[in-house]
Amino acid sequence: MPLSEALEEISISRATWYRWRNRGYGPEARRTPSGRICVRRSVLDAFKDELEAA
């Protein structure tokens, strides 16, 4: 799923995601061959479960 949709689902801004990524936190994302940043649904769901447990 596109990064923008993933960020909307977990209610954080793109700036927050970059800050988290620099600190080693947040859902893992990958860049597609076309240059888009995407997050796998399974990774996002696991991250959301982690947030709820905390």
Protein backbone atom coordinates (compact mmCIF):
# COMPACT_ATOMS: atom_id res chain seq x y z
CA MET A 1 0.00 0.00 0.00
CA PRO A 2 1.27 3.52 -0.65
CA LEU A 3 2.99 5.24 2.27
CA SER A 4 0.40 8.02 2.34
CA GLU A 5 -2.41 5.50 2.95
CA ALA A 6 -0.41 3.71 5.64
CA LEU A 7 0.33 6.99 7.43
CA GLU A 8 -3.32 7.98 7.28
CA GLU A 9 -4.30 4.62 8.78
CA ILE A 10 -1.99 5.03 11.78
CA SER A 11 -2.73 8.78 12.00
CA ILE A 12 0.77 10.21 11.76
CA SER A 13 2.32 12.78 9.46
CA ARG A 14 5.02 12.07 6.91
CA ALA A 15 7.45 14.12 9.04
CA THR A 16 6.72 11.90 12.04
CA TRP A 17 7.27 8.79 9.93
CA TYR A 18 10.69 10.07 8.77
CA ARG A 19 11.63 10.93 12.35
CA TRP A 20 10.58 7.46 13.51
CA ARG A 21 12.43 5.83 10.62
CA ASN A 22 15.64 7.67 11.54
CA ARG A 23 15.27 6.32 15.09
CA GLY A 24 14.64 2.75 13.90
CA TYR A 25 10.95 2.79 14.80
CA GLY A 26 7.81 2.47 12.73
CA PRO A 27 6.64 0.14 10.00
CA GLU A 28 9.23 -1.01 7.49
CA ALA A 29 8.74 0.51 4.04
CA ARG A 30 10.25 -0.29 0.67
CA ARG A 31 10.80 1.74 -2.45
CA THR A 32 9.27 0.28 -5.61
CA PRO A 33 11.12 0.29 -8.94
CA SER A 34 9.02 3.29 -9.95
CA GLY A 35 10.27 5.20 -6.88
CA ARG A 36 7.15 5.06 -4.71
CA ILE A 37 7.45 4.20 -1.03
CA CYS A 38 5.12 1.38 0.01
CA VAL A 39 4.34 -0.55 3.17
CA ARG A 40 3.18 -4.17 3.14
CA ARG A 41 -0.23 -4.72 4.71
CA SER A 42 1.13 -7.49 6.96
CA VAL A 43 3.92 -5.20 8.24
CA LEU A 44 1.47 -2.37 8.92
CA ASP A 45 -0.95 -4.69 10.74
CA ALA A 46 1.89 -6.07 12.90
CA PHE A 47 3.01 -2.52 13.72
CA LYS A 48 -0.54 -1.49 14.67
CA ASP A 49 -0.83 -4.54 16.92
CA GLU A 50 2.45 -3.51 18.56
CA LEU A 51 1.09 0.01 19.16
CA GLU A 52 -2.10 -1.35 20.74
CA ALA A 53 -0.12 -3.65 23.07
CA ALA A 54 2.01 -0.78 24.36
